[in-house]
Amino acid sequence: MMRVGESFCPGILHAVEAKDGLLTRIRVPGGMISPSQLEAIAEISTAFSDGQVEITSRSNLQLRAIQNKNLNYLVHELDSAGFIPSPQHDRVRNLMASPFAGLDLGEVLDPRPFVKELDRRLIADQRMAALPPKFSFAIDGGGSWFNRDSDDLALRAVTIDNVHYFHLAIGGVSSGFGVRVDRGVECAVEAAKKYLDISKALGIPARGKKIASSPEAMARLLDELSDFFVSCPPPGGSNLVLDMPVGAYVTNQVGFVKVVPSIPLGRLTAEQTKCVASVAREWDGDIRLAPWRGVVLGAIPESSISQVTATLQKAGLSLDGRDGYRGIAACSGSAGCDASLADVRRDASLLAFRLSGHEAKSGWTVNISGCEKQCAMRNGATAELIANSSGYDIRINGQLVASNSSLGSVIETLVASHSVISVEVPS
């Protein structure tokens, strides 16, 4: 049953009212989407939305500016394209994997089959529909990891004595245990059920950070999962990549590259969306949505890179990485939200124009929010801009450096923190 205007996270069957119309969010497990599905999204956006396709920081998709009269048609078309697993599981959607999964030189194993199996198990289990909409599972194959969030349940591949295991983390906290690879998905499903049981018993939210911060809850969870566990230290070192990759990179398949275009502010036009889908189809590649609100075209023949680059460039999608948008994130701003005190997307574009032609230093990021709630920003950034009635407050590395600053002053401050040096490129 479709529900509109209630105060919860959006889904396809749970449209939420915004300033510019209704908003829906579309589940894409592991960020893995086929060319035909992406083309369908472009057509649906053109017909029933604003002709834009937004990528979320959990590698899902979002359509907005939907009119009430078009909602039923939009839902029908999304269902026909295979985006509604069941009415009950519309918002059980956050299954995270690296957008470089199966291509990364440093991977221990390819996590994509495990993501697909986990999705199948979740949809088949009615209890999983009770998980909070923001609940996130992560399955990491041990290569480059781009999601900076502390996922509620994370399985990260490690190798001990030449045997692969999944290390289990709860809300970003190491459990101290591992799970045999062949039991990893079963463990994740059982753990999610235990979250719901513990939430009900102890009166705490069924979220990883809440479980991990409660000694009683954590002890109970680990005890009830003990049959799955083997001794396993946490993964050594850090595979977290803070930079937003842009360009073409080598893969673990000789003669193939992964292509990462710049997606300004995580938003594609319908025509750009179709272009990405057509490139993947023409060169028999695949498409992954990325947590930096971007896209990765996987397994593209290296011999075709000049043609792919030209095609994407013609659609306004650069592989240069110096268009100024690298590392910049913005909420919908005053165009889409009544609470916003500034047109932050316009201001973000003005900042990008000033920064164009230059590389940012490694890890340099900016979050621009239209109000102090910062509801669209899940992670901290090098610089945080928060709009108020008099301008912007500016925080650099978490420290307030200016208040009520004009846009011009804000841009000059950020340009000064933007260093022109090479960016580290993940394998």
Protein backbone atom coordinates (compact mmCIF):
# COMPACT_ATOMS: atom_id res chain seq x y z
CA MET A 1 0.00 0.00 0.00
CA MET A 2 1.38 3.40 -0.98
CA ARG A 3 1.68 5.97 1.80
CA VAL A 4 2.35 9.64 1.23
CA GLY A 5 3.49 12.46 3.46
CA GLU A 6 4.25 10.51 6.64
CA SER A 7 7.36 11.34 8.62
CA PHE A 8 9.79 8.58 7.70
CA CYS A 9 12.45 7.77 5.17
CA PRO A 10 11.12 7.64 1.61
CA GLY A 11 10.80 4.56 -0.53
CA ILE A 12 8.94 3.84 -3.75
CA LEU A 13 5.76 2.99 -1.85
CA HIS A 14 6.50 5.61 0.82
CA ALA A 15 6.65 8.92 -1.03
CA VAL A 16 7.56 11.93 1.10
CA GLU A 17 6.42 15.49 0.52
CA ALA A 18 9.08 18.11 -0.23
CA LYS A 19 8.95 21.70 -1.39
CA ASP A 20 9.26 20.76 -5.06
CA GLY A 21 6.79 17.86 -4.92
CA LEU A 22 6.91 14.24 -3.81
CA LEU A 23 10.19 12.39 -3.35
CA THR A 24 10.80 8.65 -3.74
CA ARG A 25 13.90 6.60 -3.02
CA ILE A 26 14.72 3.46 -4.99
CA ARG A 27 16.61 0.49 -3.56
CA VAL A 28 19.64 -0.72 -5.53
CA PRO A 29 21.30 -3.50 -3.48
CA GLY A 30 25.07 -3.20 -3.56
CA GLY A 31 24.69 -0.31 -6.00
CA MET A 32 24.49 -2.88 -8.82
CA ILE A 33 22.10 -1.84 -11.59
CA SER A 34 21.66 -3.09 -15.15
CA PRO A 35 21.74 -0.83 -18.23
CA SER A 36 18.08 -1.59 -18.94
CA GLN A 37 17.09 -0.67 -15.39
CA LEU A 38 19.05 2.58 -15.53
CA GLU A 39 17.43 3.45 -18.87
CA ALA A 40 14.03 2.75 -17.31
CA ILE A 41 14.82 5.17 -14.49
CA ALA A 42 15.72 7.86 -17.04
CA GLU A 43 12.44 7.33 -18.91
CA ILE A 44 10.41 7.35 -15.70
CA SER A 45 12.08 10.55 -14.50
CA THR A 46 11.37 12.25 -17.83
CA ALA A 47 7.72 11.19 -17.81
CA PHE A 48 6.77 11.57 -14.16
CA SER A 49 9.51 13.48 -12.30
CA ASP A 50 11.75 16.47 -13.08
CA GLY A 51 14.01 14.77 -15.62
CA GLN A 52 16.78 14.34 -13.04
CA VAL A 53 18.17 11.23 -11.35
CA GLU A 54 19.88 11.60 -7.98
CA ILE A 55 22.37 9.13 -6.52
CA THR A 56 22.33 8.81 -2.74
CA SER A 57 25.25 8.29 -0.38
CA ARG A 58 24.06 4.72 0.23
CA SER A 59 24.26 3.92 -3.49
CA ASN A 60 20.52 4.07 -4.10
CA LEU A 61 18.57 6.32 -6.46
CA GLN A 62 16.16 9.14 -5.82
CA LEU A 63 13.48 10.88 -7.90
CA ARG A 64 11.88 14.13 -6.80
CA ALA A 65 9.47 16.88 -7.90
CA ILE A 66 6.80 14.22 -8.51
CA GLN A 67 3.23 15.49 -8.73
CA ASN A 68 0.47 13.62 -6.90
CA LYS A 69 -1.34 12.92 -10.15
CA ASN A 70 1.73 11.09 -11.49
CA LEU A 71 2.64 9.04 -8.44
CA ASN A 72 0.62 5.91 -9.23
CA TYR A 73 2.02 5.82 -12.78
CA LEU A 74 5.57 6.25 -11.48
CA VAL A 75 5.14 3.44 -8.95
CA HIS A 76 3.72 1.13 -11.60
CA GLU A 77 6.64 1.77 -13.95
CA LEU A 78 9.24 1.28 -11.21
CA ASP A 79 7.56 -1.98 -10.23
CA SER A 80 7.58 -3.12 -13.87
CA ALA A 81 11.32 -2.36 -14.03
CA GLY A 82 11.94 -4.66 -11.04
CA PHE A 83 12.64 -2.13 -8.30
CA ILE A 84 10.01 -3.27 -5.76
CA PRO A 85 11.06 -6.63 -4.24
CA SER A 86 7.86 -6.80 -2.19
CA PRO A 87 5.53 -4.16 -0.72
CA GLN A 88 6.85 -5.00 2.75
CA HIS A 89 10.54 -4.69 1.86
CA ASP A 90 10.40 -1.43 -0.09
CA ARG A 91 12.62 0.34 2.44
CA VAL A 92 14.90 -2.56 3.44
CA ARG A 93 17.41 -1.26 0.97
CA ASN A 94 20.85 -0.38 2.32
CA LEU A 95 23.17 -3.18 1.21
CA MET A 96 26.61 -1.67 0.76
CA ALA A 97 29.51 -3.00 -1.29
CA SER A 98 32.50 -1.34 -2.88
CA PRO A 99 31.71 0.04 -6.36
CA PHE A 100 35.02 -1.57 -7.34
CA ALA A 101 33.83 -5.02 -6.21
CA GLY A 102 35.16 -7.79 -8.43
CA LEU A 103 37.58 -5.39 -10.12
CA ASP A 104 39.87 -4.31 -7.30
CA LEU A 105 43.45 -5.57 -7.40
CA GLY A 106 43.56 -5.77 -3.61
CA GLU A 107 40.39 -7.78 -3.03
CA VAL A 108 40.44 -11.00 -1.02
CA LEU A 109 37.18 -12.14 -2.64
CA ASP A 110 34.40 -10.75 -4.83
CA PRO A 111 31.55 -9.71 -2.48
CA ARG A 112 28.87 -9.35 -5.17
CA PRO A 113 27.50 -12.92 -4.96
CA PHE A 114 27.19 -12.50 -1.19
CA VAL A 115 25.30 -9.20 -1.60
CA LYS A 116 22.86 -10.86 -4.00
CA GLU A 117 22.33 -13.79 -1.66
CA LEU A 118 21.84 -11.49 1.33
CA ASP A 119 19.27 -9.49 -0.63
CA ARG A 120 17.44 -12.70 -1.55
CA ARG A 121 17.40 -13.82 2.10
CA LEU A 122 16.16 -10.44 3.35
CA ILE A 123 13.30 -10.31 0.86
CA ALA A 124 12.28 -13.87 1.70
CA ASP A 125 12.06 -13.11 5.42
CA GLN A 126 9.01 -11.17 6.60
CA ARG A 127 10.73 -10.20 9.86
CA MET A 128 13.36 -8.21 7.96
CA ALA A 129 10.68 -5.73 6.88
CA ALA A 130 10.74 -4.45 10.48
CA LEU A 131 14.34 -3.20 10.23
CA PRO A 132 14.71 0.61 10.44
CA PRO A 133 14.84 2.23 6.97
CA LYS A 134 18.35 3.57 7.60
CA PHE A 135 19.68 0.15 8.67
CA SER A 136 22.70 -0.75 6.54
CA PHE A 137 24.48 -4.02 5.81
CA ALA A 138 27.98 -3.94 4.31
CA ILE A 139 29.89 -6.76 2.66
CA ASP A 140 33.49 -5.85 1.88
CA GLY A 141 35.72 -8.07 -0.23
CA GLY A 142 38.86 -6.65 1.36
CA GLY A 143 39.84 -4.13 -1.33
CA SER A 144 39.34 -0.36 -1.49
CA TRP A 145 36.42 0.76 0.69
CA PHE A 146 34.71 4.11 0.06
CA ASN A 147 31.78 4.10 2.48
CA ARG A 148 32.75 6.15 5.52
CA ASP A 149 29.61 5.33 7.46
CA SER A 150 29.60 2.93 10.42
CA ASP A 151 27.29 0.29 9.01
CA ASP A 152 24.91 -1.48 11.35
CA LEU A 153 26.31 -4.89 10.32
CA ALA A 154 29.53 -5.25 8.35
CA LEU A 155 31.30 -8.35 7.03
CA ARG A 156 34.85 -7.60 5.90
CA ALA A 157 36.94 -10.26 4.19
CA VAL A 158 40.24 -11.26 5.80
CA THR A 159 42.71 -14.09 5.16
CA ILE A 160 44.14 -16.18 8.01
CA ASP A 161 46.55 -19.01 7.22
CA ASN A 162 45.47 -18.86 3.57
CA VAL A 163 41.80 -19.31 4.53
CA HIS A 164 39.20 -16.58 3.87
CA TYR A 165 36.84 -15.39 6.60
CA PHE A 166 34.45 -12.51 7.15
CA HIS A 167 35.24 -10.36 10.16
CA LEU A 168 32.05 -9.10 11.84
CA ALA A 169 31.69 -5.46 12.94
CA ILE A 170 28.71 -4.00 14.80
CA GLY A 171 28.05 -0.30 14.21
CA GLY A 172 31.69 0.18 13.29
CA VAL A 173 32.93 -1.70 16.38
CA SER A 174 34.87 -4.94 15.99
CA SER A 175 33.07 -7.96 17.40
CA GLY A 176 36.43 -9.68 17.88
CA PHE A 177 35.17 -12.63 15.85
CA GLY A 178 35.01 -13.91 12.32
CA VAL A 179 32.63 -16.11 10.38
CA ARG A 180 33.37 -18.76 7.79
CA VAL A 181 32.75 -17.30 4.34
CA ASP A 182 30.08 -19.89 3.53
CA ARG A 183 28.14 -18.87 6.66
CA GLY A 184 28.57 -15.11 6.35
CA VAL A 185 25.16 -14.30 4.86
CA GLU A 186 23.36 -16.60 7.29
CA CYS A 187 25.15 -14.88 10.19
CA ALA A 188 24.18 -11.42 8.92
CA VAL A 189 20.51 -12.39 8.66
CA GLU A 190 20.48 -13.97 12.12
CA ALA A 191 22.27 -10.95 13.58
CA ALA A 192 19.63 -8.61 12.13
CA LYS A 193 16.91 -10.73 13.77
CA LYS A 194 18.75 -10.52 17.08
CA TYR A 195 18.91 -6.71 16.71
CA LEU A 196 15.11 -6.66 16.54
CA ASP A 197 14.80 -8.98 19.56
CA ILE A 198 17.27 -6.96 21.63
CA SER A 199 15.63 -3.71 20.60
CA LYS A 200 12.29 -4.93 21.88
CA ALA A 201 13.71 -6.44 25.07
CA LEU A 202 15.92 -3.50 26.09
CA GLY A 203 13.97 -0.62 24.59
CA ILE A 204 16.79 0.65 22.38
CA PRO A 205 16.80 1.31 18.61
CA ALA A 206 17.72 -1.66 16.41
CA ARG A 207 20.85 0.07 15.12
CA GLY A 208 24.47 -1.01 15.26
CA LYS A 209 25.85 1.98 17.14
CA LYS A 210 23.14 1.66 19.81
CA ILE A 211 23.81 -2.06 20.24
CA ALA A 212 27.58 -1.54 20.37
CA SER A 213 27.30 1.27 22.95
CA SER A 214 25.29 -0.91 25.33
CA PRO A 215 27.47 -3.55 27.09
CA GLU A 216 24.37 -5.60 27.89
CA ALA A 217 23.09 -5.49 24.32
CA MET A 218 26.48 -6.26 22.80
CA ALA A 219 27.12 -9.17 25.15
CA ARG A 220 23.70 -10.63 24.43
CA LEU A 221 24.14 -10.28 20.67
CA LEU A 222 27.55 -11.95 20.61
CA ASP A 223 26.38 -14.75 22.89
CA GLU A 224 23.40 -15.53 20.67
CA LEU A 225 25.58 -15.56 17.55
CA SER A 226 28.39 -17.59 19.13
CA ASP A 227 27.66 -20.72 17.06
CA PHE A 228 28.81 -18.82 13.96
CA PHE A 229 32.08 -17.51 15.37
CA VAL A 230 35.69 -18.42 14.87
CA SER A 231 38.66 -16.58 16.32
CA CYS A 232 39.47 -13.71 13.96
CA PRO A 233 41.35 -10.45 14.49
CA PRO A 234 40.02 -7.33 12.77
CA PRO A 235 41.40 -6.52 9.32
CA GLY A 236 44.89 -5.08 9.56
CA GLY A 237 45.51 -1.54 8.36
CA SER A 238 42.90 0.63 6.68
CA ASN A 239 41.47 0.16 3.22
CA LEU A 240 39.26 3.23 3.52
CA VAL A 241 39.73 5.62 0.59
CA LEU A 242 38.72 9.20 1.37
CA ASP A 243 39.10 10.58 -2.16
CA MET A 244 36.35 10.56 -4.74
CA PRO A 245 37.94 8.80 -7.72
CA VAL A 246 37.47 10.27 -11.19
CA GLY A 247 39.05 8.85 -14.36
CA ALA A 248 39.97 5.42 -15.72
CA TYR A 249 41.73 2.87 -13.50
CA VAL A 250 43.25 -0.56 -13.99
CA THR A 251 41.36 -3.64 -12.82
CA ASN A 252 42.25 -7.20 -11.92
CA GLN A 253 41.25 -8.17 -15.47
CA VAL A 254 44.01 -7.64 -18.02
CA GLY A 255 42.90 -5.34 -20.83
CA PHE A 256 39.95 -3.88 -18.93
CA VAL A 257 39.52 -0.65 -16.95
CA LYS A 258 36.95 0.80 -14.59
CA VAL A 259 35.68 4.20 -15.72
CA VAL A 260 34.58 6.78 -13.14
CA PRO A 261 33.03 9.99 -14.52
CA SER A 262 32.44 13.09 -12.43
CA ILE A 263 28.77 13.37 -11.44
CA PRO A 264 28.30 16.99 -10.25
CA LEU A 265 26.54 17.03 -6.88
CA GLY A 266 25.37 13.44 -7.41
CA ARG A 267 22.75 14.38 -9.98
CA LEU A 268 22.36 13.19 -13.59
CA THR A 269 19.99 14.47 -16.23
CA ALA A 270 17.83 11.85 -17.91
CA GLU A 271 19.97 12.12 -21.03
CA GLN A 272 23.19 11.65 -19.05
CA THR A 273 21.62 8.65 -17.35
CA LYS A 274 20.82 7.13 -20.73
CA CYS A 275 24.37 7.85 -21.89
CA VAL A 276 25.88 5.93 -18.96
CA ALA A 277 23.56 3.00 -19.67
CA SER A 278 24.37 3.02 -23.39
CA VAL A 279 28.13 2.99 -22.75
CA ALA A 280 27.77 -0.02 -20.46
CA ARG A 281 25.62 -1.82 -23.02
CA GLU A 282 27.82 -1.01 -26.02
CA TRP A 283 31.02 -2.18 -24.35
CA ASP A 284 29.48 -5.03 -22.35
CA GLY A 285 30.42 -3.40 -19.06
CA ASP A 286 28.43 -3.14 -15.87
CA ILE A 287 27.17 -0.25 -13.77
CA ARG A 288 27.67 0.37 -10.05
CA LEU A 289 26.36 3.29 -8.02
CA ALA A 290 28.94 4.68 -5.59
CA PRO A 291 28.68 6.08 -2.03
CA TRP A 292 30.35 9.33 -3.13
CA ARG A 293 27.08 9.75 -5.08
CA GLY A 294 28.71 8.71 -8.30
CA VAL A 295 28.84 5.98 -10.93
CA VAL A 296 31.43 3.36 -11.87
CA LEU A 297 31.43 1.68 -15.27
CA GLY A 298 33.14 -1.66 -14.68
CA ALA A 299 35.09 -3.93 -17.01
CA ILE A 300 35.30 -1.56 -19.98
CA PRO A 301 37.84 -2.65 -22.65
CA GLU A 302 40.96 -0.52 -22.32
CA SER A 303 41.09 -0.20 -26.10
CA SER A 304 37.78 1.68 -26.07
CA ILE A 305 38.69 4.31 -23.49
CA SER A 306 39.08 7.17 -25.98
CA GLN A 307 35.64 6.47 -27.46
CA VAL A 308 34.04 6.10 -24.02
CA THR A 309 35.65 9.34 -22.85
CA ALA A 310 34.39 11.21 -25.91
CA THR A 311 30.86 9.83 -25.49
CA LEU A 312 30.68 10.76 -21.83
CA GLN A 313 32.26 14.16 -22.46
CA LYS A 314 29.63 14.92 -25.11
CA ALA A 315 26.97 14.26 -22.46
CA GLY A 316 28.72 16.64 -20.04
CA LEU A 317 30.36 13.93 -17.91
CA SER A 318 34.08 14.56 -17.47
CA LEU A 319 36.80 12.03 -16.68
CA ASP A 320 39.29 14.80 -15.99
CA GLY A 321 38.57 15.24 -12.27
CA ARG A 322 39.26 18.95 -12.45
CA ASP A 323 35.77 20.26 -13.12
CA GLY A 324 35.69 21.69 -9.59
CA TYR A 325 33.00 19.38 -8.24
CA ARG A 326 35.33 16.77 -6.82
CA GLY A 327 34.62 16.38 -3.10
CA ILE A 328 31.66 18.81 -3.02
CA ALA A 329 28.32 17.63 -1.64
CA ALA A 330 25.16 19.70 -1.20
CA CYS A 331 21.62 19.12 0.02
CA SER A 332 18.60 20.01 -2.14
CA GLY A 333 18.64 23.61 -0.87
CA SER A 334 15.85 26.15 -1.08
CA ALA A 335 14.67 24.79 -4.44
CA GLY A 336 13.57 21.53 -2.85
CA CYS A 337 13.28 22.12 0.91
CA ASP A 338 11.26 24.65 2.90
CA ALA A 339 13.77 24.53 5.75
CA SER A 340 16.72 25.60 3.61
CA LEU A 341 17.94 29.18 4.02
CA ALA A 342 20.02 29.24 0.82
CA ASP A 343 20.09 27.93 -2.71
CA VAL A 344 23.00 25.67 -1.84
CA ARG A 345 23.13 23.80 -5.14
CA ARG A 346 23.58 27.09 -6.99
CA ASP A 347 26.22 28.16 -4.47
CA ALA A 348 27.98 24.80 -4.79
CA SER A 349 28.12 25.26 -8.57
CA LEU A 350 29.62 28.74 -8.15
CA LEU A 351 32.28 27.25 -5.86
CA ALA A 352 32.99 24.49 -8.38
CA PHE A 353 33.42 27.10 -11.12
CA ARG A 354 36.11 28.84 -9.05
CA LEU A 355 37.89 25.54 -8.36
CA SER A 356 37.71 24.19 -11.90
CA GLY A 357 41.02 23.39 -13.56
CA HIS A 358 42.71 22.37 -10.30
CA GLU A 359 43.16 19.18 -8.31
CA ALA A 360 42.15 19.07 -4.66
CA LYS A 361 44.55 17.73 -2.07
CA SER A 362 43.93 14.18 -0.96
CA GLY A 363 40.74 13.81 1.10
CA TRP A 364 39.57 17.43 0.61
CA THR A 365 35.76 17.56 0.89
CA VAL A 366 33.03 20.17 1.37
CA ASN A 367 29.50 19.69 2.68
CA ILE A 368 27.07 22.54 2.00
CA SER A 369 23.83 22.49 3.99
CA GLY A 370 20.82 24.77 3.80
CA CYS A 371 20.16 24.71 7.54
CA GLU A 372 21.69 23.56 10.81
CA LYS A 373 19.97 20.15 10.67
CA GLN A 374 22.43 19.04 7.94
CA CYS A 375 20.03 16.18 7.29
CA ALA A 376 21.51 15.19 3.93
CA MET A 377 25.08 14.97 5.24
CA ARG A 378 26.03 11.62 6.78
CA ASN A 379 29.75 12.21 7.15
CA GLY A 380 31.98 15.03 8.23
CA ALA A 381 34.04 16.97 5.70
CA THR A 382 37.16 19.12 5.50
CA ALA A 383 34.86 22.12 5.29
CA GLU A 384 31.23 22.36 6.36
CA LEU A 385 29.05 25.27 5.28
CA ILE A 386 25.79 25.77 7.12
CA ALA A 387 23.38 28.41 5.85
CA ASN A 388 21.62 30.80 8.18
CA SER A 389 19.50 33.92 7.67
CA SER A 390 22.63 36.09 7.33
CA GLY A 391 24.91 33.91 5.21
CA TYR A 392 26.99 30.84 6.02
CA ASP A 393 28.79 29.52 9.08
CA ILE A 394 32.06 27.84 8.10
CA ARG A 395 33.75 24.97 9.88
CA ILE A 396 37.15 23.75 8.79
CA ASN A 397 38.22 20.38 10.21
CA GLY A 398 35.40 20.65 12.73
CA GLN A 399 36.38 24.11 14.01
CA LEU A 400 34.17 27.16 13.50
CA VAL A 401 36.26 29.70 11.57
CA ALA A 402 33.62 32.23 10.48
CA SER A 403 29.96 33.07 11.05
CA ASN A 404 27.36 34.80 8.89
CA SER A 405 29.77 34.97 5.96
CA SER A 406 28.72 36.15 2.52
CA LEU A 407 28.92 33.72 -0.36
CA GLY A 408 31.90 35.58 -1.81
CA SER A 409 33.79 35.35 1.47
CA VAL A 410 32.90 31.68 1.78
CA ILE A 411 34.24 30.89 -1.66
CA GLU A 412 37.51 32.70 -1.02
CA THR A 413 37.97 30.81 2.27
CA LEU A 414 37.43 27.48 0.53
CA VAL A 415 39.66 28.32 -2.40
CA ALA A 416 42.42 29.02 0.13
CA SER A 417 41.98 25.54 1.65
CA HIS A 418 42.01 23.84 -1.74
CA SER A 419 45.56 22.71 -2.51
CA VAL A 420 46.83 22.07 -6.02
CA ILE A 421 48.68 18.77 -5.58
CA SER A 422 48.25 15.30 -6.98
CA VAL A 423 45.46 13.12 -5.65
CA GLU A 424 46.21 9.54 -4.63
CA VAL A 425 44.51 7.09 -7.00
CA PRO A 426 43.10 3.79 -5.68
CA SER A 427 43.98 0.63 -7.56
